[in-house]
Amino acid sequence: MPGPDFETVVAGHYEPLYRFAFSLTRSEADACDLAQQTFYVWATKGHQLRDASKVRSWLFTTLHRTFLESRRTLARFPHGELSELDADLPVVLPEAARQLDAMQAVEALGRIDDLYRAPVALFYMEDCSYQEIAEILDVPIGTVKSRMARGLAQLRHILAGNNPARNQPGGQRE
């Protein structure tokens, strides 16, 4: 027996979902986006729900999970005005920025110990969270954190010593 059609679900659940989303986000625009995303997921996956009496709880659960995922993403990739974040940004001298390119970074990554290379590569090249890295490598999250710290320390050391001017015959560049 087919479940309720899309329009019926939206008409019957939009207002309570929006109110719930607004209570979570405290923003009209974000609440609308969350409700819309929830109904998008319903449109694509709602047919899999076997018990039509559970539509309401399915929608609320989906909205809440979507909200949590958006907060995790925001925590991982925070937004802010650049002028407000100046103090948090690392100091990179223009000369160092010119000397370092993507190939040098990948080459330097290849020089860190194998044990530390995987978590650093997963985090920076594949945008994996620490939890995802722990699952992929089948190690505790604390191990991921310590390997990241040690790997980044090695990477900093390698990159600091990877100054092309020092590696040229005769010492310094003119």
N, C-alpha and C. Protein backbone atom coordinates (compact mmCIF):
# COMPACT_ATOMS: atom_id res chain seq x y z
N MET A 1 0.84 -1.17 0.00
CA MET A 1 0.00 0.00 0.00
C MET A 1 0.89 1.24 0.00
N PRO A 2 0.70 2.13 -0.97
CA PRO A 2 1.55 3.32 -1.04
C PRO A 2 1.26 4.27 0.11
N GLY A 3 2.31 5.02 0.50
CA GLY A 3 2.18 5.99 1.59
C GLY A 3 1.52 7.27 1.12
N PRO A 4 1.44 8.24 1.98
CA PRO A 4 0.80 9.51 1.62
C PRO A 4 1.60 10.22 0.53
N ASP A 5 0.88 10.98 -0.32
CA ASP A 5 1.59 11.68 -1.39
C ASP A 5 2.34 12.89 -0.82
N PHE A 6 3.25 13.39 -1.58
CA PHE A 6 4.16 14.45 -1.14
C PHE A 6 3.40 15.69 -0.67
N GLU A 7 2.43 16.15 -1.46
CA GLU A 7 1.70 17.37 -1.10
C GLU A 7 0.98 17.21 0.22
N THR A 8 0.42 16.04 0.48
CA THR A 8 -0.29 15.78 1.74
C THR A 8 0.68 15.85 2.91
N VAL A 9 1.85 15.28 2.74
CA VAL A 9 2.85 15.29 3.81
C VAL A 9 3.29 16.73 4.09
N VAL A 10 3.58 17.49 3.05
CA VAL A 10 4.02 18.88 3.25
C VAL A 10 2.91 19.69 3.92
N ALA A 11 1.70 19.57 3.42
CA ALA A 11 0.58 20.35 3.97
C ALA A 11 0.34 20.01 5.44
N GLY A 12 0.49 18.76 5.80
CA GLY A 12 0.21 18.34 7.17
C GLY A 12 1.34 18.55 8.16
N HIS A 13 2.55 18.74 7.66
CA HIS A 13 3.69 18.77 8.59
C HIS A 13 4.60 19.99 8.47
N TYR A 14 4.36 20.87 7.51
CA TYR A 14 5.27 21.98 7.32
C TYR A 14 5.34 22.89 8.55
N GLU A 15 4.21 23.32 9.05
CA GLU A 15 4.22 24.27 10.18
C GLU A 15 4.92 23.71 11.42
N PRO A 16 4.58 22.50 11.88
CA PRO A 16 5.29 22.01 13.06
C PRO A 16 6.79 21.79 12.80
N LEU A 17 7.15 21.35 11.60
CA LEU A 17 8.57 21.18 11.28
C LEU A 17 9.28 22.53 11.28
N TYR A 18 8.63 23.54 10.70
CA TYR A 18 9.24 24.87 10.68
C TYR A 18 9.43 25.39 12.10
N ARG A 19 8.42 25.24 12.94
CA ARG A 19 8.53 25.71 14.33
C ARG A 19 9.69 25.00 15.05
N PHE A 20 9.80 23.69 14.84
CA PHE A 20 10.90 22.93 15.45
C PHE A 20 12.24 23.44 14.92
N ALA A 21 12.33 23.62 13.62
CA ALA A 21 13.57 24.11 13.00
C ALA A 21 13.92 25.50 13.52
N PHE A 22 12.91 26.35 13.67
CA PHE A 22 13.15 27.70 14.19
C PHE A 22 13.65 27.66 15.63
N SER A 23 13.10 26.72 16.41
CA SER A 23 13.56 26.61 17.80
C SER A 23 15.01 26.15 17.86
N LEU A 24 15.45 25.40 16.86
CA LEU A 24 16.83 24.94 16.82
C LEU A 24 17.78 26.02 16.30
N THR A 25 17.38 26.70 15.25
CA THR A 25 18.28 27.63 14.56
C THR A 25 18.16 29.08 15.01
N ARG A 26 16.97 29.45 15.48
CA ARG A 26 16.66 30.84 15.86
C ARG A 26 16.83 31.79 14.69
N SER A 27 16.62 31.28 13.50
CA SER A 27 16.73 32.09 12.28
C SER A 27 15.67 31.63 11.30
N GLU A 28 14.89 32.59 10.79
CA GLU A 28 13.83 32.24 9.84
C GLU A 28 14.40 31.58 8.59
N ALA A 29 15.44 32.16 8.04
CA ALA A 29 16.02 31.63 6.80
C ALA A 29 16.56 30.21 7.01
N ASP A 30 17.29 30.00 8.13
CA ASP A 30 17.84 28.68 8.40
C ASP A 30 16.74 27.67 8.67
N ALA A 31 15.66 28.10 9.34
CA ALA A 31 14.54 27.21 9.61
C ALA A 31 13.86 26.80 8.31
N CYS A 32 13.69 27.76 7.41
CA CYS A 32 13.10 27.44 6.09
C CYS A 32 13.98 26.45 5.33
N ASP A 33 15.29 26.70 5.37
CA ASP A 33 16.23 25.80 4.68
C ASP A 33 16.16 24.40 5.26
N LEU A 34 16.11 24.30 6.58
CA LEU A 34 16.03 22.98 7.23
C LEU A 34 14.76 22.25 6.86
N ALA A 35 13.64 22.96 6.89
CA ALA A 35 12.36 22.33 6.53
C ALA A 35 12.40 21.89 5.07
N GLN A 36 12.92 22.74 4.21
CA GLN A 36 13.01 22.41 2.79
C GLN A 36 13.90 21.18 2.58
N GLN A 37 15.04 21.14 3.25
CA GLN A 37 15.94 19.99 3.13
C GLN A 37 15.26 18.71 3.62
N THR A 38 14.49 18.82 4.69
CA THR A 38 13.78 17.66 5.23
C THR A 38 12.78 17.13 4.21
N PHE A 39 12.05 18.02 3.58
CA PHE A 39 11.07 17.57 2.57
C PHE A 39 11.77 17.06 1.31
N TYR A 40 12.95 17.58 1.02
CA TYR A 40 13.72 17.04 -0.10
C TYR A 40 14.10 15.58 0.20
N VAL A 41 14.57 15.35 1.42
CA VAL A 41 14.94 13.98 1.80
C VAL A 41 13.69 13.09 1.76
N TRP A 42 12.56 13.62 2.20
CA TRP A 42 11.31 12.85 2.14
C TRP A 42 10.99 12.50 0.69
N ALA A 43 11.14 13.47 -0.22
CA ALA A 43 10.83 13.23 -1.63
C ALA A 43 11.72 12.15 -2.22
N THR A 44 12.96 12.07 -1.75
CA THR A 44 13.88 11.09 -2.33
C THR A 44 13.89 9.75 -1.59
N LYS A 45 13.58 9.76 -0.29
CA LYS A 45 13.70 8.52 0.48
C LYS A 45 12.43 8.12 1.23
N GLY A 46 11.43 8.96 1.23
CA GLY A 46 10.22 8.70 2.00
C GLY A 46 9.50 7.43 1.60
N HIS A 47 9.63 7.04 0.35
CA HIS A 47 8.97 5.81 -0.13
C HIS A 47 9.48 4.56 0.61
N GLN A 48 10.64 4.68 1.25
CA GLN A 48 11.20 3.54 1.97
C GLN A 48 10.54 3.31 3.32
N LEU A 49 9.80 4.30 3.81
CA LEU A 49 9.13 4.18 5.10
C LEU A 49 7.98 3.19 4.96
N ARG A 50 7.99 2.14 5.75
CA ARG A 50 7.01 1.07 5.63
C ARG A 50 5.74 1.35 6.40
N ASP A 51 5.84 2.11 7.48
CA ASP A 51 4.68 2.37 8.34
C ASP A 51 4.29 3.84 8.19
N ALA A 52 3.19 4.09 7.49
CA ALA A 52 2.74 5.45 7.22
C ALA A 52 2.43 6.23 8.49
N SER A 53 2.18 5.56 9.59
CA SER A 53 1.88 6.25 10.84
C SER A 53 3.13 6.88 11.45
N LYS A 54 4.29 6.56 10.91
CA LYS A 54 5.55 7.07 11.45
C LYS A 54 6.13 8.23 10.64
N VAL A 55 5.33 8.77 9.72
CA VAL A 55 5.81 9.87 8.88
C VAL A 55 6.26 11.04 9.74
N ARG A 56 5.46 11.44 10.71
CA ARG A 56 5.78 12.59 11.54
C ARG A 56 7.11 12.40 12.28
N SER A 57 7.29 11.28 12.92
CA SER A 57 8.54 11.07 13.67
C SER A 57 9.72 10.96 12.70
N TRP A 58 9.52 10.38 11.53
CA TRP A 58 10.58 10.28 10.53
C TRP A 58 11.01 11.68 10.10
N LEU A 59 10.04 12.56 9.84
CA LEU A 59 10.35 13.92 9.41
C LEU A 59 11.11 14.69 10.49
N PHE A 60 10.66 14.58 11.74
CA PHE A 60 11.32 15.30 12.82
C PHE A 60 12.73 14.75 13.06
N THR A 61 12.89 13.45 12.98
CA THR A 61 14.21 12.85 13.14
C THR A 61 15.14 13.31 12.02
N THR A 62 14.64 13.31 10.81
CA THR A 62 15.43 13.74 9.67
C THR A 62 15.83 15.20 9.79
N LEU A 63 14.90 16.06 10.21
CA LEU A 63 15.20 17.47 10.40
C LEU A 63 16.28 17.65 11.46
N HIS A 64 16.14 16.94 12.57
CA HIS A 64 17.12 17.07 13.65
C HIS A 64 18.50 16.59 13.20
N ARG A 65 18.56 15.49 12.50
CA ARG A 65 19.86 14.99 12.01
C ARG A 65 20.48 15.96 11.01
N THR A 66 19.65 16.55 10.16
CA THR A 66 20.15 17.53 9.20
C THR A 66 20.70 18.75 9.92
N PHE A 67 19.99 19.18 10.97
CA PHE A 67 20.45 20.31 11.78
C PHE A 67 21.81 19.99 12.42
N LEU A 68 21.93 18.80 13.03
CA LEU A 68 23.19 18.42 13.67
C LEU A 68 24.33 18.36 12.67
N GLU A 69 24.06 17.82 11.49
CA GLU A 69 25.10 17.73 10.46
C GLU A 69 25.53 19.13 10.01
N SER A 70 24.57 20.04 9.89
CA SER A 70 24.93 21.41 9.49
C SER A 70 25.77 22.08 10.57
N ARG A 71 25.51 21.81 11.83
CA ARG A 71 26.29 22.38 12.93
C ARG A 71 27.69 21.79 12.96
N ARG A 72 27.82 20.49 12.68
CA ARG A 72 29.14 19.88 12.62
C ARG A 72 29.96 20.51 11.49
N THR A 73 29.30 20.71 10.36
CA THR A 73 29.99 21.32 9.22
C THR A 73 30.40 22.75 9.55
N LEU A 74 29.50 23.50 10.21
CA LEU A 74 29.81 24.87 10.58
C LEU A 74 30.94 24.93 11.59
N ALA A 75 30.97 23.98 12.52
CA ALA A 75 32.05 23.95 13.51
C ALA A 75 33.38 23.62 12.85
N ARG A 76 33.32 22.77 11.85
CA ARG A 76 34.54 22.36 11.16
C ARG A 76 35.03 23.43 10.19
N PHE A 77 34.07 24.12 9.57
CA PHE A 77 34.40 25.16 8.60
C PHE A 77 33.67 26.44 8.99
N PRO A 78 34.11 27.09 10.06
CA PRO A 78 33.38 28.27 10.55
C PRO A 78 33.45 29.43 9.57
N HIS A 79 32.40 30.23 9.59
CA HIS A 79 32.34 31.42 8.76
C HIS A 79 32.51 32.63 9.65
N GLY A 80 33.16 33.63 9.13
CA GLY A 80 33.35 34.86 9.88
C GLY A 80 33.94 35.92 8.99
N GLU A 81 33.87 37.14 9.46
CA GLU A 81 34.47 38.24 8.72
C GLU A 81 35.99 38.12 8.82
N LEU A 82 36.65 38.29 7.72
CA LEU A 82 38.10 38.16 7.69
C LEU A 82 38.76 39.14 8.65
N SER A 83 38.22 40.34 8.74
CA SER A 83 38.82 41.33 9.64
C SER A 83 38.73 40.88 11.10
N GLU A 84 37.68 40.11 11.45
CA GLU A 84 37.53 39.61 12.81
C GLU A 84 38.46 38.44 13.09
N LEU A 85 38.90 37.76 12.05
CA LEU A 85 39.68 36.54 12.22
C LEU A 85 41.18 36.75 12.04
N ASP A 86 41.61 37.97 11.80
CA ASP A 86 43.03 38.23 11.56
C ASP A 86 43.93 37.65 12.63
N ALA A 87 43.54 37.75 13.89
CA ALA A 87 44.38 37.26 14.98
C ALA A 87 44.51 35.74 14.96
N ASP A 88 43.51 35.05 14.39
CA ASP A 88 43.54 33.59 14.36
C ASP A 88 44.31 33.03 13.18
N LEU A 89 44.59 33.85 12.19
CA LEU A 89 45.25 33.37 10.99
C LEU A 89 46.76 33.24 11.23
N PRO A 90 47.37 32.20 10.67
CA PRO A 90 48.82 32.07 10.85
C PRO A 90 49.55 33.15 10.07
N VAL A 91 50.71 33.50 10.55
CA VAL A 91 51.53 34.49 9.87
C VAL A 91 52.33 33.76 8.80
N VAL A 92 52.12 34.16 7.55
CA VAL A 92 52.85 33.58 6.44
C VAL A 92 53.53 34.72 5.71
N LEU A 93 54.83 34.66 5.73
CA LEU A 93 55.59 35.70 5.05
C LEU A 93 55.41 35.55 3.55
N PRO A 94 55.33 36.66 2.82
CA PRO A 94 55.11 36.59 1.37
C PRO A 94 56.14 35.72 0.67
N GLU A 95 57.39 35.78 1.12
CA GLU A 95 58.43 34.98 0.49
C GLU A 95 58.14 33.49 0.65
N ALA A 96 57.70 33.10 1.86
CA ALA A 96 57.40 31.68 2.10
C ALA A 96 56.21 31.24 1.26
N ALA A 97 55.23 32.10 1.12
CA ALA A 97 54.05 31.76 0.32
C ALA A 97 54.42 31.54 -1.14
N ARG A 98 55.33 32.35 -1.64
CA ARG A 98 55.74 32.20 -3.04
C ARG A 98 56.53 30.91 -3.25
N GLN A 99 57.29 30.52 -2.23
CA GLN A 99 58.17 29.37 -2.39
C GLN A 99 57.44 28.04 -2.25
N LEU A 100 56.34 28.05 -1.53
CA LEU A 100 55.64 26.80 -1.27
C LEU A 100 54.50 26.64 -2.25
N ASP A 101 54.46 25.56 -2.96
CA ASP A 101 53.33 25.30 -3.84
C ASP A 101 52.77 23.91 -3.53
N ALA A 102 51.74 23.55 -4.22
CA ALA A 102 51.04 22.29 -3.93
C ALA A 102 51.97 21.08 -4.10
N MET A 103 52.81 21.09 -5.09
CA MET A 103 53.70 19.95 -5.30
C MET A 103 54.67 19.79 -4.14
N GLN A 104 55.16 20.89 -3.62
CA GLN A 104 56.07 20.82 -2.49
C GLN A 104 55.33 20.30 -1.25
N ALA A 105 54.10 20.72 -1.08
CA ALA A 105 53.32 20.26 0.08
C ALA A 105 53.08 18.76 0.00
N VAL A 106 52.71 18.27 -1.18
CA VAL A 106 52.46 16.83 -1.34
C VAL A 106 53.76 16.05 -1.17
N GLU A 107 54.85 16.60 -1.70
CA GLU A 107 56.15 15.93 -1.55
C GLU A 107 56.55 15.89 -0.08
N ALA A 108 56.31 16.97 0.64
CA ALA A 108 56.63 17.01 2.07
C ALA A 108 55.76 16.03 2.83
N LEU A 109 54.50 15.93 2.47
CA LEU A 109 53.59 14.97 3.11
C LEU A 109 54.11 13.55 2.92
N GLY A 110 54.67 13.27 1.76
CA GLY A 110 55.22 11.95 1.49
C GLY A 110 56.46 11.63 2.31
N ARG A 111 57.06 12.64 2.90
CA ARG A 111 58.28 12.44 3.69
C ARG A 111 58.02 12.24 5.18
N ILE A 112 56.79 12.47 5.64
CA ILE A 112 56.54 12.24 7.07
C ILE A 112 56.34 10.74 7.30
N ASP A 113 56.53 10.30 8.53
CA ASP A 113 56.42 8.88 8.86
C ASP A 113 55.07 8.32 8.42
N ASP A 114 55.08 7.07 7.95
CA ASP A 114 53.87 6.42 7.48
C ASP A 114 52.74 6.46 8.51
N LEU A 115 53.10 6.28 9.77
CA LEU A 115 52.11 6.25 10.84
C LEU A 115 51.32 7.54 10.91
N TYR A 116 51.95 8.66 10.61
CA TYR A 116 51.31 9.97 10.71
C TYR A 116 50.77 10.47 9.38
N ARG A 117 51.26 9.93 8.28
CA ARG A 117 50.87 10.42 6.96
C ARG A 117 49.39 10.22 6.68
N ALA A 118 48.86 9.04 7.01
CA ALA A 118 47.46 8.74 6.69
C ALA A 118 46.48 9.71 7.36
N PRO A 119 46.58 9.93 8.69
CA PRO A 119 45.62 10.85 9.28
C PRO A 119 45.75 12.28 8.75
N VAL A 120 46.98 12.75 8.51
CA VAL A 120 47.17 14.11 8.00
C VAL A 120 46.59 14.22 6.59
N ALA A 121 46.84 13.23 5.75
CA ALA A 121 46.32 13.25 4.39
C ALA A 121 44.79 13.17 4.38
N LEU A 122 44.23 12.31 5.21
CA LEU A 122 42.76 12.19 5.26
C LEU A 122 42.12 13.50 5.71
N PHE A 123 42.74 14.16 6.68
CA PHE A 123 42.17 15.40 7.20
C PHE A 123 42.28 16.54 6.19
N TYR A 124 43.48 16.76 5.67
CA TYR A 124 43.71 17.93 4.82
C TYR A 124 43.40 17.71 3.35
N MET A 125 43.53 16.50 2.86
CA MET A 125 43.31 16.28 1.44
C MET A 125 41.93 15.70 1.15
N GLU A 126 41.36 14.98 2.10
CA GLU A 126 40.06 14.36 1.87
C GLU A 126 38.95 14.96 2.73
N ASP A 127 39.28 15.97 3.55
CA ASP A 127 38.30 16.66 4.41
C ASP A 127 37.55 15.71 5.34
N CYS A 128 38.22 14.72 5.85
CA CYS A 128 37.62 13.79 6.82
C CYS A 128 37.69 14.39 8.22
N SER A 129 36.67 14.14 9.01
CA SER A 129 36.69 14.57 10.41
C SER A 129 37.57 13.60 11.21
N TYR A 130 37.91 14.00 12.42
CA TYR A 130 38.71 13.10 13.27
C TYR A 130 37.95 11.78 13.49
N GLN A 131 36.64 11.86 13.68
CA GLN A 131 35.83 10.66 13.89
C GLN A 131 35.88 9.75 12.66
N GLU A 132 35.76 10.34 11.48
CA GLU A 132 35.84 9.55 10.25
C GLU A 132 37.22 8.91 10.10
N ILE A 133 38.25 9.65 10.43
CA ILE A 133 39.61 9.11 10.34
C ILE A 133 39.76 7.94 11.30
N ALA A 134 39.24 8.09 12.53
CA ALA A 134 39.31 7.01 13.51
C ALA A 134 38.63 5.76 12.98
N GLU A 135 37.48 5.93 12.33
CA GLU A 135 36.77 4.78 11.77
C GLU A 135 37.53 4.16 10.60
N ILE A 136 38.06 5.01 9.73
CA ILE A 136 38.80 4.51 8.56
C ILE A 136 40.04 3.74 8.99
N LEU A 137 40.79 4.31 9.95
CA LEU A 137 42.04 3.69 10.38
C LEU A 137 41.84 2.65 11.48
N ASP A 138 40.61 2.57 12.00
CA ASP A 138 40.26 1.63 13.06
C ASP A 138 41.14 1.82 14.29
N VAL A 139 41.23 3.10 14.72
CA VAL A 139 41.98 3.45 15.92
C VAL A 139 41.11 4.41 16.75
N PRO A 140 41.39 4.54 18.05
CA PRO A 140 40.63 5.49 18.86
C PRO A 140 40.86 6.93 18.41
N ILE A 141 39.89 7.79 18.68
CA ILE A 141 39.98 9.19 18.25
C ILE A 141 41.17 9.90 18.92
N GLY A 142 41.51 9.51 20.14
CA GLY A 142 42.68 10.08 20.80
C GLY A 142 43.96 9.77 20.06
N THR A 143 44.04 8.57 19.49
CA THR A 143 45.19 8.18 18.69
C THR A 143 45.27 9.04 17.43
N VAL A 144 44.11 9.29 16.83
CA VAL A 144 44.08 10.15 15.64
C VAL A 144 44.61 11.53 15.98
N LYS A 145 44.16 12.08 17.11
CA LYS A 145 44.61 13.42 17.51
C LYS A 145 46.11 13.48 17.75
N SER A 146 46.65 12.48 18.43
CA SER A 146 48.09 12.50 18.70
C SER A 146 48.89 12.29 17.41
N ARG A 147 48.40 11.42 16.53
CA ARG A 147 49.11 11.21 15.26
C ARG A 147 49.04 12.47 14.39
N MET A 148 47.91 13.16 14.44
CA MET A 148 47.80 14.42 13.68
C MET A 148 48.81 15.43 14.21
N ALA A 149 48.89 15.57 15.54
CA ALA A 149 49.81 16.54 16.14
C ALA A 149 51.25 16.21 15.77
N ARG A 150 51.62 14.95 15.88
CA ARG A 150 53.00 14.56 15.56
C ARG A 150 53.28 14.69 14.07
N GLY A 151 52.30 14.30 13.25
CA GLY A 151 52.47 14.42 11.80
C GLY A 151 52.61 15.87 11.36
N LEU A 152 51.80 16.75 11.95
CA LEU A 152 51.90 18.17 11.59
C LEU A 152 53.22 18.77 12.06
N ALA A 153 53.71 18.31 13.21
CA ALA A 153 55.01 18.79 13.69
C ALA A 153 56.11 18.37 12.70
N GLN A 154 56.04 17.11 12.24
CA GLN A 154 57.03 16.65 11.25
C GLN A 154 56.90 17.45 9.96
N LEU A 155 55.66 17.69 9.54
CA LEU A 155 55.43 18.43 8.30
C LEU A 155 55.97 19.85 8.40
N ARG A 156 55.75 20.52 9.53
CA ARG A 156 56.29 21.86 9.74
C ARG A 156 57.82 21.84 9.67
N HIS A 157 58.41 20.84 10.30
CA HIS A 157 59.87 20.72 10.29
C HIS A 157 60.38 20.52 8.86
N ILE A 158 59.73 19.65 8.13
CA ILE A 158 60.14 19.37 6.75
C ILE A 158 59.98 20.62 5.89
N LEU A 159 58.85 21.30 6.02
CA LEU A 159 58.61 22.49 5.21
C LEU A 159 59.55 23.64 5.59
N ALA A 160 59.87 23.76 6.84
CA ALA A 160 60.80 24.80 7.28
C ALA A 160 62.19 24.55 6.69
N GLY A 161 62.56 23.29 6.54
CA GLY A 161 63.86 22.95 5.98
C GLY A 161 63.83 22.83 4.47
N ASN A 162 62.67 23.05 3.86
CA ASN A 162 62.50 22.87 2.42
C ASN A 162 62.58 24.21 1.70
N ASN A 163 63.42 25.08 2.18
CA ASN A 163 63.60 26.39 1.57
C ASN A 163 64.53 26.24 0.37
N PRO A 164 64.06 26.48 -0.86
CA PRO A 164 64.91 26.29 -2.04
C PRO A 164 66.19 27.10 -2.01
N ALA A 165 66.18 28.26 -1.35
CA ALA A 165 67.39 29.10 -1.30
C ALA A 165 68.50 28.39 -0.55
N ARG A 166 68.12 27.61 0.47
CA ARG A 166 69.14 26.89 1.25
C ARG A 166 69.70 25.70 0.49
N ASN A 167 68.89 25.18 -0.44
CA ASN A 167 69.28 23.95 -1.12
C ASN A 167 70.10 24.20 -2.38
N GLN A 168 70.26 25.47 -2.76
CA GLN A 168 71.03 25.74 -3.96
C GLN A 168 72.53 25.73 -3.65
N PRO A 169 73.34 25.32 -4.63
CA PRO A 169 74.78 25.37 -4.42
C PRO A 169 75.21 26.80 -4.15
N GLY A 170 76.10 26.98 -3.24
CA GLY A 170 76.61 28.29 -2.92
C GLY A 170 75.83 28.99 -1.83
N GLY A 171 74.84 28.32 -1.28
CA GLY A 171 74.13 28.88 -0.12
C GLY A 171 72.91 29.70 -0.48
N GLN A 172 73.01 31.00 -0.24
CA GLN A 172 71.84 31.89 -0.35
C GLN A 172 71.63 32.34 -1.78
N ARG A 173 70.34 32.62 -2.06
CA ARG A 173 69.98 33.24 -3.34
C ARG A 173 70.22 34.73 -3.26
N GLU A 174 70.44 35.33 -4.36
CA GLU A 174 70.65 36.77 -4.37
C GLU A 174 69.38 37.47 -4.69
